Amino acid sequence: MSFKCILTPHYRIPPPILSILVGRLPQVSTIIEDVTEEATTAETIKLDETADDQADSWDKDWGWNVDEAPKSPSPDDRVASSSNTSDYAHAFSPLTESYMVSTSPGGGYMVLAHKSKFVVIELNEEEEEYCAVGQGSGCEMEGEEITAILCLPLFVPSIRKNQMFVMAGYNTGWLRVFSETGTILTAQLLEPTPILSIKIRTPPPVYKTAATQSWQDEEITLLFQGNKVVSIDGQSLWMVLRVCDGQRESGIDSSRMHTAFTYKKYEFQKHDQVKDVVSLGPSPPRSTPTTILEQSSTISTIPFPPTATSRYIAVGYNPMLCYYATTDSSRPLMSAVSMASYVVSRVATPVFSLAKSWWSGGGNNSNSGSSPTPYVPDMHPPPSNVEPATPIPVVLTLEDPDRRITNISVAPASTSSQRSTLAATTDLLGRVILWDLQSGEMVRMWKGIRDAVCGWVEISEDNSNELCSNQRNRPARVSLFLVIYSERRGLLLVFHMRHGAKVGIFRIGQGWRLVPCGREPLGSSMVSADRRRAAMRKDEGECGCLSKCLLIGPDGEVRNIQIVPKE
């Protein structure tokens, strides 16, 4: 089957939202005229008022039919008008400043961040544009800025809808989580170096597998400067945020409550510098050979050990790409019961209890002198010491002395293996490389694409009713496409995976943002497949979204990259 790519309109972000985000505010000036010298005595003012009253009578000819010549503006008025027009034109002109974007699975919510502030916008289909629903900062120290952002949806099974949260990383190392309106819920200092990226890994949609996988888990991966990586257990984080948000809605100051979730902290010592990282989770279970012939003929080229509890792919410099894995099984299994009782095991491994802190990022509570919040006991401040990272073994190294890989984008899980098998990387030499994650081999390479950003688009050969049907006996048939946008050349390329042809090339110009969408919300692994299918049928919670990419223009225009069969 042949395909083609089209760029369809997808509503709009109002230019004032983008302008205010990056600090472009029109300079509004009010000119106050001093008329003190014009009226030196009260008698002069009184005489003027009397003359006006005598002239303003019902017998006065108002001159409705008399055309009056317009008064020509003075040179000062023309300068002021030109200055105001220039200020407004600059404030709402197309953006050239860089900003960070993260979206919900279906693109219904976006989080935009620039320097010390962020704004949350929601799609209003009736108005055909995005509207601001919240904003925040979280910066509490001089020079503190946001360096990483994540739009974090939580699936709530009881209502089959999502709750939106914002996870922000800062150059001070602080990690803070906010509600969609910008209210802080939790904060923690895990490493006193800047957070470079925040990524989420959730299970594949239910239509990509005929049976529910028992090994599915969820994870939030944080990359810190200095080759440190923190992996937060997604299920325990789900419980913490649900508790915090419930306390906020009930009027309790949730920032003073002591809740916890678990995480692991690793150090990638093989790299000189890690620029990006992705987590593949634990190794999936495999069928064990039962006969001697099967055992003797089983040869595996997969670099990861079959019993790995954590697997990572890190890219950067010297070497350019590494596979890291560990078989450490000390990570506790989190359940709703253990989280509800606020009991988390603390062991002498890279698994630590994460305590919520106060609103004050540095641990100094500005409200310490006021009376405590009702029904909330006084809590001791969280520990100020930062837990050390545990070195993680390297299992595969790929080195090119002249190549520095800057980003890695993992493809969505395939329907055949229910896990990710491809990834695309970009480097400083203008290359985009397609990798086979199972073997660690290069599949394809594109040259001459500098400042590239990659994303993924999926289309299904099944209709929507078949995707969410409970009677499915096979995975869905899904085609995968790689999207590459070169900021320097203003070029958008779309390729059919793995070895397919180019299905689209567009010269869209510079200043656009390629924004990937399409993942399951946090908490999907804790929900049954039938309930997730029910949410898909009712179009609730943005569950079961195919991967897609949005393009945001410098003037706020949003377009959807859509793949359709050729007629």
Protein backbone atom coordinates (compact mmCIF):
# COMPACT_ATOMS: atom_id res chain seq x y z
CA MET A 1 0.00 0.00 0.00
CA SER A 2 1.26 3.48 -0.90
CA PHE A 3 0.90 6.47 1.38
CA LYS A 4 1.16 10.23 1.20
CA CYS A 5 1.56 12.92 3.84
CA ILE A 6 -0.57 16.03 4.25
CA LEU A 7 -0.38 18.88 6.76
CA THR A 8 -3.89 19.53 8.03
CA PRO A 9 -4.89 22.59 10.11
CA HIS A 10 -5.21 21.82 13.83
CA TYR A 11 -6.59 24.92 15.53
CA ARG A 12 -4.34 27.67 16.85
CA ILE A 13 -2.46 29.02 19.86
CA PRO A 14 -3.37 32.71 20.32
CA PRO A 15 -0.29 34.90 19.68
CA PRO A 16 -0.73 36.79 23.00
CA ILE A 17 -0.13 33.53 24.91
CA LEU A 18 3.18 32.93 23.15
CA SER A 19 4.20 36.59 23.43
CA ILE A 20 3.51 36.74 27.17
CA LEU A 21 5.30 33.42 27.66
CA VAL A 22 8.58 34.72 26.22
CA GLY A 23 8.22 38.13 27.89
CA ARG A 24 7.07 40.20 24.94
CA LEU A 25 4.73 42.76 26.50
CA PRO A 26 3.61 45.89 24.66
CA GLN A 27 4.81 49.12 26.28
CA VAL A 28 1.65 50.98 27.21
CA SER A 29 2.34 54.59 28.21
CA THR A 30 -0.16 57.15 29.49
CA ILE A 31 0.62 60.82 28.78
CA ILE A 32 -0.47 63.12 31.61
CA GLU A 33 -0.84 66.75 30.57
CA ASP A 34 0.02 69.43 33.11
CA VAL A 35 -2.51 72.31 32.77
CA THR A 36 -1.67 74.10 35.98
CA GLU A 37 -0.20 77.13 34.25
CA GLU A 38 -3.20 77.53 31.94
CA ALA A 39 -5.58 78.35 34.79
CA THR A 40 -3.82 80.60 37.28
CA THR A 41 -6.84 81.75 39.24
CA ALA A 42 -10.13 80.31 40.25
CA GLU A 43 -11.95 83.28 38.71
CA THR A 44 -10.60 82.46 35.27
CA ILE A 45 -11.87 78.91 35.54
CA LYS A 46 -15.28 80.17 36.75
CA LEU A 47 -15.59 82.62 33.84
CA ASP A 48 -14.78 79.87 31.36
CA GLU A 49 -17.43 77.59 32.86
CA THR A 50 -20.05 80.40 32.74
CA ALA A 51 -19.29 81.09 29.10
CA ASP A 52 -19.63 77.43 28.26
CA ASP A 53 -23.01 77.20 30.02
CA GLN A 54 -24.36 80.21 28.13
CA ALA A 55 -23.21 78.86 24.79
CA ASP A 56 -24.49 75.34 25.43
CA SER A 57 -28.27 75.82 25.17
CA TRP A 58 -31.13 73.98 23.46
CA ASP A 59 -31.35 76.80 20.90
CA LYS A 60 -27.79 76.24 19.75
CA ASP A 61 -27.33 75.06 16.20
CA TRP A 62 -25.50 71.74 16.57
CA GLY A 63 -24.50 71.72 12.93
CA TRP A 64 -25.36 68.11 12.16
CA ASN A 65 -25.14 68.77 8.41
CA VAL A 66 -21.88 70.65 8.55
CA ASP A 67 -18.84 68.68 7.56
CA GLU A 68 -15.96 69.58 9.79
CA ALA A 69 -12.43 69.16 8.56
CA PRO A 70 -10.55 66.60 10.64
CA LYS A 71 -7.91 67.99 12.88
CA SER A 72 -4.46 67.07 11.68
CA PRO A 73 -2.34 65.33 14.32
CA SER A 74 0.62 67.16 15.72
CA PRO A 75 4.15 65.82 15.21
CA ASP A 76 4.23 64.63 18.85
CA ASP A 77 0.97 62.72 18.36
CA ARG A 78 2.35 61.06 15.23
CA VAL A 79 5.52 59.97 17.06
CA ALA A 80 3.52 58.57 20.01
CA SER A 81 1.13 56.70 17.69
CA SER A 82 4.02 55.26 15.70
CA SER A 83 5.78 54.17 18.89
CA ASN A 84 2.67 52.41 20.25
CA THR A 85 2.05 50.66 16.93
CA SER A 86 5.66 49.49 16.83
CA ASP A 87 5.45 48.13 20.39
CA TYR A 88 2.32 46.11 19.64
CA ALA A 89 3.70 44.87 16.33
CA HIS A 90 6.84 43.63 18.08
CA ALA A 91 4.89 42.06 20.95
CA PHE A 92 2.70 39.94 18.67
CA SER A 93 5.09 39.33 15.78
CA PRO A 94 6.20 35.74 14.97
CA LEU A 95 8.39 34.28 17.69
CA THR A 96 12.10 33.81 17.29
CA GLU A 97 12.76 32.85 20.93
CA SER A 98 13.08 29.19 21.83
CA TYR A 99 10.68 27.57 24.26
CA MET A 100 9.88 24.05 25.47
CA VAL A 101 6.67 22.20 24.59
CA SER A 102 5.10 19.02 25.96
CA THR A 103 1.65 17.70 25.09
CA SER A 104 -0.91 15.23 26.37
CA PRO A 105 -1.37 11.95 24.42
CA GLY A 106 -3.98 13.36 22.05
CA GLY A 107 -2.74 16.93 21.93
CA GLY A 108 -5.71 18.27 23.91
CA TYR A 109 -3.39 19.86 26.48
CA MET A 110 -0.03 21.55 26.04
CA VAL A 111 2.55 22.88 28.47
CA LEU A 112 4.75 25.69 27.18
CA ALA A 113 7.80 26.78 29.21
CA HIS A 114 10.34 29.57 28.79
CA LYS A 115 13.02 30.47 31.32
CA SER A 116 11.25 30.99 34.67
CA LYS A 117 7.58 30.40 33.79
CA PHE A 118 5.23 27.94 32.18
CA VAL A 119 1.66 28.08 30.91
CA VAL A 120 -0.89 25.28 30.49
CA ILE A 121 -3.28 25.51 27.53
CA GLU A 122 -6.31 23.37 26.67
CA LEU A 123 -7.93 22.85 23.29
CA ASN A 124 -11.32 24.54 22.95
CA GLU A 125 -12.90 23.02 19.86
CA GLU A 126 -15.81 25.46 19.85
CA GLU A 127 -13.45 28.45 19.74
CA GLU A 128 -11.08 26.52 17.44
CA GLU A 129 -8.05 27.51 19.47
CA TYR A 130 -6.13 26.71 22.63
CA CYS A 131 -7.04 28.60 25.79
CA ALA A 132 -4.87 29.19 28.86
CA VAL A 133 -6.06 27.27 31.94
CA GLY A 134 -3.07 27.67 34.28
CA GLN A 135 0.37 29.11 34.73
CA GLY A 136 3.21 28.91 37.20
CA SER A 137 6.89 29.24 37.83
CA GLY A 138 8.25 27.40 40.85
CA CYS A 139 11.48 29.40 40.65
CA GLU A 140 12.37 30.42 44.17
CA MET A 141 16.07 31.25 43.91
CA GLU A 142 17.83 33.99 42.01
CA GLY A 143 18.80 32.77 38.58
CA GLU A 144 16.66 29.62 38.80
CA GLU A 145 15.12 28.58 35.47
CA ILE A 146 13.08 25.73 34.02
CA THR A 147 15.26 23.38 31.97
CA ALA A 148 12.87 20.48 31.31
CA ILE A 149 9.08 20.14 31.16
CA LEU A 150 6.58 17.28 30.92
CA CYS A 151 2.83 17.31 30.46
CA LEU A 152 1.86 14.46 32.79
CA PRO A 153 -1.67 13.03 32.41
CA LEU A 154 -2.98 10.61 35.05
CA PHE A 155 -5.71 8.15 34.10
CA VAL A 156 -8.42 7.95 36.78
CA PRO A 157 -10.28 4.63 36.40
CA SER A 158 -13.32 5.68 38.44
CA ILE A 159 -14.26 8.42 35.98
CA ARG A 160 -12.34 7.13 32.92
CA LYS A 161 -10.79 10.55 32.46
CA ASN A 162 -7.39 12.12 32.81
CA GLN A 163 -6.08 14.55 35.38
CA MET A 164 -3.40 16.85 34.03
CA PHE A 165 -0.23 17.65 35.94
CA VAL A 166 2.95 19.50 35.06
CA MET A 167 6.37 18.13 35.96
CA ALA A 168 9.13 20.73 35.76
CA GLY A 169 12.89 20.35 36.15
CA TYR A 170 15.17 23.25 37.06
CA ASN A 171 18.80 24.23 36.64
CA THR A 172 19.15 23.95 40.42
CA GLY A 173 18.29 20.24 40.33
CA TRP A 174 14.84 20.66 41.89
CA LEU A 175 11.95 18.62 40.53
CA ARG A 176 8.48 20.11 41.10
CA VAL A 177 5.02 18.86 40.16
CA PHE A 178 2.07 21.21 39.69
CA SER A 179 -1.64 20.85 39.04
CA GLU A 180 -2.96 22.00 35.67
CA THR A 181 -3.80 25.39 37.19
CA GLY A 182 -0.23 25.89 38.46
CA THR A 183 -0.63 24.88 42.13
CA ILE A 184 2.47 23.10 43.43
CA LEU A 185 1.88 19.61 44.79
CA THR A 186 5.29 18.12 45.49
CA ALA A 187 8.98 18.94 45.13
CA GLN A 188 12.25 17.14 45.71
CA LEU A 189 15.95 17.73 45.27
CA LEU A 190 17.34 14.47 43.88
CA GLU A 191 20.63 15.78 42.48
CA PRO A 192 22.09 19.31 42.78
CA THR A 193 22.80 19.64 39.04
CA PRO A 194 20.54 20.86 36.21
CA ILE A 195 17.84 18.51 34.94
CA LEU A 196 18.39 18.08 31.20
CA SER A 197 15.34 16.03 30.23
CA ILE A 198 12.20 14.36 31.61
CA LYS A 199 10.72 11.39 29.77
CA ILE A 200 7.84 9.04 30.50
CA ARG A 201 7.46 5.37 29.60
CA THR A 202 4.00 3.79 29.76
CA PRO A 203 2.54 0.50 28.46
CA PRO A 204 1.49 0.19 24.81
CA PRO A 205 -2.18 0.65 23.92
CA VAL A 206 -4.45 -2.34 24.45
CA TYR A 207 -5.08 -2.84 20.73
CA LYS A 208 -1.39 -3.61 20.12
CA THR A 209 -1.64 -6.91 21.94
CA ALA A 210 -4.26 -9.62 22.04
CA ALA A 211 -3.62 -10.39 25.71
CA THR A 212 -2.74 -8.25 28.69
CA GLN A 213 0.96 -8.37 29.53
CA SER A 214 1.70 -8.95 33.20
CA TRP A 215 5.20 -7.41 32.97
CA GLN A 216 4.02 -3.93 32.02
CA ASP A 217 5.31 -1.15 34.24
CA GLU A 218 5.64 2.63 34.10
CA GLU A 219 8.53 4.98 34.69
CA ILE A 220 9.61 8.62 34.71
CA THR A 221 13.25 9.09 33.66
CA LEU A 222 15.22 12.19 34.66
CA LEU A 223 18.60 13.01 33.15
CA PHE A 224 20.86 15.26 35.23
CA GLN A 225 23.99 17.03 34.13
CA GLY A 226 26.98 14.95 35.10
CA ASN A 227 25.71 11.61 33.70
CA LYS A 228 23.28 10.95 36.57
CA VAL A 229 19.90 9.32 35.86
CA VAL A 230 16.92 8.97 38.19
CA SER A 231 14.09 6.57 37.39
CA ILE A 232 10.86 7.13 39.32
CA ASP A 233 8.42 4.26 39.69
CA GLY A 234 5.32 5.35 37.79
CA GLN A 235 2.74 3.47 39.85
CA SER A 236 3.92 4.91 43.16
CA LEU A 237 4.06 8.41 41.62
CA TRP A 238 0.47 7.95 40.44
CA MET A 239 -0.62 7.24 44.01
CA VAL A 240 1.28 10.22 45.41
CA LEU A 241 -0.22 12.68 42.94
CA ARG A 242 -3.73 11.36 43.48
CA VAL A 243 -3.33 11.80 47.23
CA CYS A 244 -1.83 15.27 46.88
CA ASP A 245 -4.54 16.43 44.51
CA GLY A 246 -7.25 15.06 46.79
CA GLN A 247 -5.78 16.98 49.73
CA ARG A 248 -5.65 20.13 47.61
CA GLU A 249 -9.31 19.82 46.63
CA SER A 250 -10.32 19.25 50.25
CA GLY A 251 -8.61 22.46 51.33
CA ILE A 252 -5.61 20.87 53.04
CA ASP A 253 -2.15 22.24 52.39
CA SER A 254 -0.80 19.20 50.58
CA SER A 255 2.70 20.64 50.36
CA ARG A 256 3.12 19.91 54.09
CA MET A 257 2.04 16.29 53.99
CA HIS A 258 4.59 13.49 54.07
CA THR A 259 4.05 11.18 51.12
CA ALA A 260 6.60 9.07 49.31
CA PHE A 261 7.34 7.21 46.11
CA THR A 262 10.33 5.14 45.08
CA TYR A 263 13.09 5.79 42.63
CA LYS A 264 16.47 4.52 41.53
CA LYS A 265 19.53 6.63 40.92
CA TYR A 266 22.30 5.54 38.55
CA GLU A 267 25.53 6.95 37.18
CA PHE A 268 26.69 6.27 33.62
CA GLN A 269 30.45 6.21 34.11
CA LYS A 270 31.35 4.96 30.64
CA HIS A 271 30.38 8.26 28.98
CA ASP A 272 32.37 11.46 29.05
CA GLN A 273 29.10 13.32 28.52
CA VAL A 274 25.52 12.06 28.27
CA LYS A 275 23.22 14.31 26.23
CA ASP A 276 20.06 12.17 26.20
CA VAL A 277 18.78 8.88 27.57
CA VAL A 278 15.80 6.56 27.20
CA SER A 279 14.63 3.76 29.44
CA LEU A 280 13.42 0.46 28.01
CA GLY A 281 12.34 -0.95 31.37
CA PRO A 282 12.98 -4.52 32.50
CA SER A 283 13.64 -7.31 30.04
CA PRO A 284 10.38 -8.88 28.85
CA PRO A 285 9.72 -12.49 29.81
CA ARG A 286 10.70 -15.06 27.24
CA SER A 287 9.61 -18.59 26.64
CA THR A 288 12.12 -21.09 28.02
CA PRO A 289 13.36 -23.83 25.64
CA THR A 290 12.01 -27.18 26.75
CA THR A 291 14.10 -29.62 24.71
CA ILE A 292 17.83 -30.15 24.48
CA LEU A 293 17.72 -29.34 20.75
CA GLU A 294 15.99 -26.03 21.40
CA GLN A 295 18.46 -25.13 24.13
CA SER A 296 21.47 -25.93 21.97
CA SER A 297 20.18 -24.06 18.91
CA THR A 298 19.10 -20.92 20.75
CA ILE A 299 21.50 -18.11 19.79
CA SER A 300 20.72 -14.57 20.85
CA THR A 301 22.22 -11.38 19.41
CA ILE A 302 20.37 -9.12 21.85
CA PRO A 303 22.94 -7.19 23.89
CA PHE A 304 20.72 -6.82 26.98
CA PRO A 305 20.76 -9.67 29.50
CA PRO A 306 17.46 -11.61 29.58
CA THR A 307 17.01 -10.98 33.33
CA ALA A 308 17.75 -7.25 33.37
CA THR A 309 15.61 -5.24 35.77
CA SER A 310 16.56 -1.88 34.24
CA ARG A 311 17.73 -1.12 30.69
CA TYR A 312 18.89 2.22 29.30
CA ILE A 313 20.27 3.59 26.06
CA ALA A 314 22.39 6.71 26.53
CA VAL A 315 23.78 8.93 23.78
CA GLY A 316 26.37 11.67 23.88
CA TYR A 317 30.11 11.90 23.48
CA ASN A 318 32.91 9.38 23.92
CA PRO A 319 31.27 7.00 23.31
CA MET A 320 28.41 8.20 21.14
CA LEU A 321 26.00 5.42 22.23
CA CYS A 322 25.94 2.91 25.08
CA TYR A 323 23.61 0.22 26.34
CA TYR A 324 23.41 0.03 30.14
CA ALA A 325 21.68 -2.71 32.11
CA THR A 326 21.53 -4.14 35.60
CA THR A 327 20.07 -7.30 37.08
CA ASP A 328 19.63 -5.76 40.53
CA SER A 329 16.24 -6.97 41.80
CA SER A 330 16.05 -4.85 44.96
CA ARG A 331 13.40 -2.54 43.54
CA PRO A 332 10.24 -3.01 45.63
CA LEU A 333 6.93 -3.72 44.00
CA MET A 334 4.56 -0.86 44.78
CA SER A 335 0.88 -1.48 45.32
CA ALA A 336 -2.09 0.73 46.07
CA VAL A 337 -2.35 -0.71 49.59
CA SER A 338 1.24 0.01 50.55
CA MET A 339 1.10 3.51 49.08
CA ALA A 340 -2.18 4.34 50.78
CA SER A 341 -0.63 3.59 54.13
CA TYR A 342 2.35 5.85 53.30
CA VAL A 343 4.76 3.00 54.03
CA VAL A 344 7.71 2.61 51.66
CA SER A 345 10.63 0.29 52.29
CA ARG A 346 14.03 1.94 52.59
CA VAL A 347 16.90 -0.36 51.70
CA ALA A 348 20.64 0.15 51.16
CA THR A 349 20.37 0.07 47.35
CA PRO A 350 19.68 2.71 44.72
CA VAL A 351 16.00 2.55 45.76
CA PHE A 352 15.11 5.45 48.04
CA SER A 353 12.03 6.94 49.59
CA LEU A 354 11.07 10.27 48.06
CA ALA A 355 9.67 12.69 50.63
CA LYS A 356 7.59 15.67 49.63
CA SER A 357 8.94 19.05 50.54
CA TRP A 358 7.48 22.43 51.35
CA TRP A 359 6.63 25.09 48.81
CA SER A 360 10.02 26.62 49.56
CA GLY A 361 12.48 24.87 47.28
CA GLY A 362 15.44 25.52 49.54
CA GLY A 363 13.72 24.07 52.59
CA ASN A 364 13.04 27.43 54.24
CA ASN A 365 9.32 27.67 54.85
CA SER A 366 8.14 31.26 54.54
CA ASN A 367 5.04 30.41 56.58
CA SER A 368 6.91 28.89 59.49
CA GLY A 369 5.80 31.65 61.80
CA SER A 370 2.10 31.30 61.01
CA SER A 371 -0.30 28.82 62.54
CA PRO A 372 -0.27 25.33 61.02
CA THR A 373 -2.92 24.28 58.54
CA PRO A 374 -5.92 22.63 60.27
CA TYR A 375 -5.77 18.85 60.58
CA VAL A 376 -2.18 18.77 59.29
CA PRO A 377 0.46 17.95 61.90
CA ASP A 378 3.80 19.75 61.92
CA MET A 379 6.27 17.77 59.86
CA HIS A 380 10.03 17.71 60.05
CA PRO A 381 11.75 19.17 56.98
CA PRO A 382 12.83 16.64 54.33
CA PRO A 383 16.43 15.42 54.47
CA SER A 384 18.86 17.83 52.87
CA ASN A 385 21.43 15.22 51.93
CA VAL A 386 21.39 13.89 48.37
CA GLU A 387 21.63 10.14 47.98
CA PRO A 388 24.64 8.93 45.95
CA ALA A 389 24.21 7.33 42.55
CA THR A 390 24.99 3.69 41.88
CA PRO A 391 27.21 2.87 38.87
CA ILE A 392 25.39 0.77 36.29
CA PRO A 393 27.22 -1.74 34.06
CA VAL A 394 27.61 -1.10 30.33
CA VAL A 395 26.75 -4.00 27.99
CA LEU A 396 27.33 -2.45 24.56
CA THR A 397 29.40 0.48 23.30
CA LEU A 398 29.34 2.13 19.86
CA GLU A 399 32.04 4.70 19.25
CA ASP A 400 32.79 7.22 16.49
CA PRO A 401 35.40 9.75 17.72
CA ASP A 402 34.07 12.59 15.54
CA ARG A 403 30.37 12.05 16.23
CA ARG A 404 28.39 13.56 19.09
CA ILE A 405 24.79 12.38 19.33
CA THR A 406 22.51 14.98 20.88
CA ASN A 407 19.06 13.35 20.94
CA ILE A 408 17.40 9.95 20.79
CA SER A 409 13.73 9.35 20.00
CA VAL A 410 12.31 5.87 20.58
CA ALA A 411 9.56 4.62 18.30
CA PRO A 412 6.24 3.48 19.81
CA ALA A 413 5.85 -0.16 20.64
CA SER A 414 5.32 -2.46 17.66
CA THR A 415 2.30 -4.70 17.42
CA SER A 416 4.42 -7.82 16.89
CA SER A 417 6.59 -7.60 20.00
CA GLN A 418 4.58 -5.11 22.15
CA ARG A 419 7.78 -3.16 22.81
CA SER A 420 9.89 -0.54 21.09
CA THR A 421 12.24 -1.90 18.42
CA LEU A 422 13.42 1.27 16.62
CA ALA A 423 14.97 4.59 17.59
CA ALA A 424 16.22 7.65 15.71
CA THR A 425 19.20 9.76 16.78
CA THR A 426 20.48 13.17 15.67
CA ASP A 427 24.08 14.38 15.88
CA LEU A 428 26.19 17.46 15.32
CA LEU A 429 27.38 16.22 11.91
CA GLY A 430 23.93 16.63 10.38
CA ARG A 431 23.10 12.91 10.40
CA VAL A 432 19.88 11.18 11.39
CA ILE A 433 20.45 7.49 12.15
CA LEU A 434 17.79 4.81 12.49
CA TRP A 435 18.72 2.08 14.99
CA ASP A 436 17.49 -1.43 15.66
CA LEU A 437 17.24 -1.51 19.45
CA GLN A 438 17.24 -5.28 19.72
CA SER A 439 20.59 -5.76 17.98
CA GLY A 440 22.16 -2.31 18.39
CA GLU A 441 22.74 -2.02 14.63
CA MET A 442 22.26 0.92 12.26
CA VAL A 443 19.36 0.44 9.84
CA ARG A 444 19.35 3.68 7.81
CA MET A 445 21.14 7.02 7.73
CA TRP A 446 20.14 10.41 6.34
CA LYS A 447 22.79 13.07 5.69
CA GLY A 448 22.74 16.83 5.47
CA ILE A 449 19.96 17.35 8.07
CA ARG A 450 21.36 19.72 10.69
CA ASP A 451 19.51 20.83 13.81
CA ALA A 452 17.06 17.96 13.27
CA VAL A 453 14.15 16.94 15.49
CA CYS A 454 12.49 13.53 15.10
CA GLY A 455 9.03 12.20 15.82
CA TRP A 456 6.77 9.27 14.95
CA VAL A 457 3.39 8.91 13.26
CA GLU A 458 1.21 5.79 13.26
CA ILE A 459 -1.83 4.90 11.19
CA SER A 460 -4.04 1.85 11.65
CA GLU A 461 -5.48 -0.30 8.90
CA ASP A 462 -8.35 -1.19 11.25
CA ASN A 463 -11.23 1.16 11.96
CA SER A 464 -11.80 2.70 15.38
CA ASN A 465 -14.50 0.21 16.35
CA GLU A 466 -12.16 -2.72 15.72
CA LEU A 467 -9.37 -1.13 17.76
CA CYS A 468 -11.44 -0.91 20.95
CA SER A 469 -13.39 -4.15 20.52
CA ASN A 470 -13.29 -6.67 23.37
CA GLN A 471 -13.42 -9.56 20.88
CA ARG A 472 -10.06 -8.88 19.29
CA ASN A 473 -8.01 -12.04 18.81
CA ARG A 474 -4.99 -10.44 17.15
CA PRO A 475 -2.97 -7.22 17.47
CA ALA A 476 -3.94 -4.26 15.31
CA ARG A 477 -2.26 -3.66 11.96
CA VAL A 478 -0.34 -0.41 12.39
CA SER A 479 2.04 1.31 9.96
CA LEU A 480 4.88 3.42 11.34
CA PHE A 481 6.47 6.57 9.88
CA LEU A 482 9.47 8.64 10.91
CA VAL A 483 9.14 12.44 10.80
CA ILE A 484 12.28 14.59 10.54
CA TYR A 485 12.28 18.38 10.74
CA SER A 486 15.44 20.34 9.96
CA GLU A 487 15.25 23.71 11.69
CA ARG A 488 18.18 25.16 9.76
CA ARG A 489 16.86 24.19 6.34
CA GLY A 490 13.17 24.57 7.19
CA LEU A 491 12.58 21.12 5.69
CA LEU A 492 10.09 18.45 6.82
CA LEU A 493 10.65 14.84 5.73
CA VAL A 494 8.45 11.77 6.31
CA PHE A 495 9.60 8.17 5.70
CA HIS A 496 7.81 4.82 5.88
CA MET A 497 9.51 2.42 8.32
CA ARG A 498 11.67 0.46 8.20
CA HIS A 499 12.86 0.50 4.63
CA GLY A 500 9.95 2.24 2.98
CA ALA A 501 10.01 5.19 0.64
CA LYS A 502 9.71 8.89 1.40
CA VAL A 503 6.03 9.77 1.61
CA GLY A 504 6.31 13.53 2.09
CA ILE A 505 8.68 16.48 1.84
CA PHE A 506 7.65 20.04 2.72
CA ARG A 507 9.50 23.35 2.82
CA ILE A 508 7.74 24.89 5.81
CA GLY A 509 10.48 27.36 6.73
CA GLN A 510 12.26 28.08 9.97
CA GLY A 511 10.80 28.77 13.39
CA TRP A 512 8.46 25.76 13.64
CA ARG A 513 8.31 23.28 16.53
CA LEU A 514 7.88 19.54 15.91
CA VAL A 515 5.97 18.19 18.91
CA PRO A 516 5.50 14.39 19.30
CA CYS A 517 2.22 13.13 20.79
CA GLY A 518 0.68 9.77 21.51
CA ARG A 519 1.39 7.72 24.61
CA GLU A 520 -0.73 6.16 27.29
CA PRO A 521 -1.44 8.27 30.42
CA LEU A 522 0.30 7.46 33.69
CA GLY A 523 -1.54 4.72 35.60
CA SER A 524 -2.50 2.66 32.53
CA SER A 525 -0.66 -0.40 33.84
CA MET A 526 -2.93 -0.38 36.91
CA VAL A 527 -6.13 -0.50 34.83
CA SER A 528 -7.68 -3.55 33.21
CA ALA A 529 -7.71 -3.83 29.44
CA ASP A 530 -11.51 -3.85 29.35
CA ARG A 531 -11.72 -0.54 31.19
CA ARG A 532 -9.16 1.04 28.91
CA ARG A 533 -11.12 -0.16 25.87
CA ALA A 534 -14.28 1.33 27.37
CA ALA A 535 -12.51 4.65 27.70
CA MET A 536 -11.42 4.41 24.07
CA ARG A 537 -14.98 3.72 22.86
CA LYS A 538 -16.32 6.76 24.72
CA ASP A 539 -13.33 8.91 23.67
CA GLU A 540 -12.42 9.60 27.30
CA GLY A 541 -9.03 10.10 28.88
CA GLU A 542 -7.06 10.20 25.60
CA CYS A 543 -6.47 6.45 25.92
CA GLY A 544 -5.33 4.38 22.97
CA CYS A 545 -4.03 7.31 20.95
CA LEU A 546 -1.89 6.49 17.97
CA SER A 547 1.42 8.31 17.84
CA LYS A 548 1.28 11.57 15.92
CA CYS A 549 3.18 14.82 15.54
CA LEU A 550 2.03 18.42 15.66
CA LEU A 551 3.74 21.41 14.09
CA ILE A 552 3.59 24.74 15.93
CA GLY A 553 4.39 27.77 13.82
CA PRO A 554 6.08 30.97 14.99
CA ASP A 555 2.71 32.79 14.88
CA GLY A 556 0.85 30.10 16.88
CA GLU A 557 -0.53 28.15 13.95
CA VAL A 558 -0.81 24.41 14.72
CA ARG A 559 -0.85 21.76 12.01
CA ASN A 560 -1.27 17.99 12.22
CA ILE A 561 1.01 15.67 10.25
CA GLN A 562 -1.41 13.18 8.75
CA ILE A 563 -0.63 10.07 6.70
CA VAL A 564 -3.29 8.81 4.30
CA PRO A 565 -3.35 6.08 1.62
CA LYS A 566 -2.83 7.20 -1.95
CA GLU A 567 -5.93 7.07 -4.10
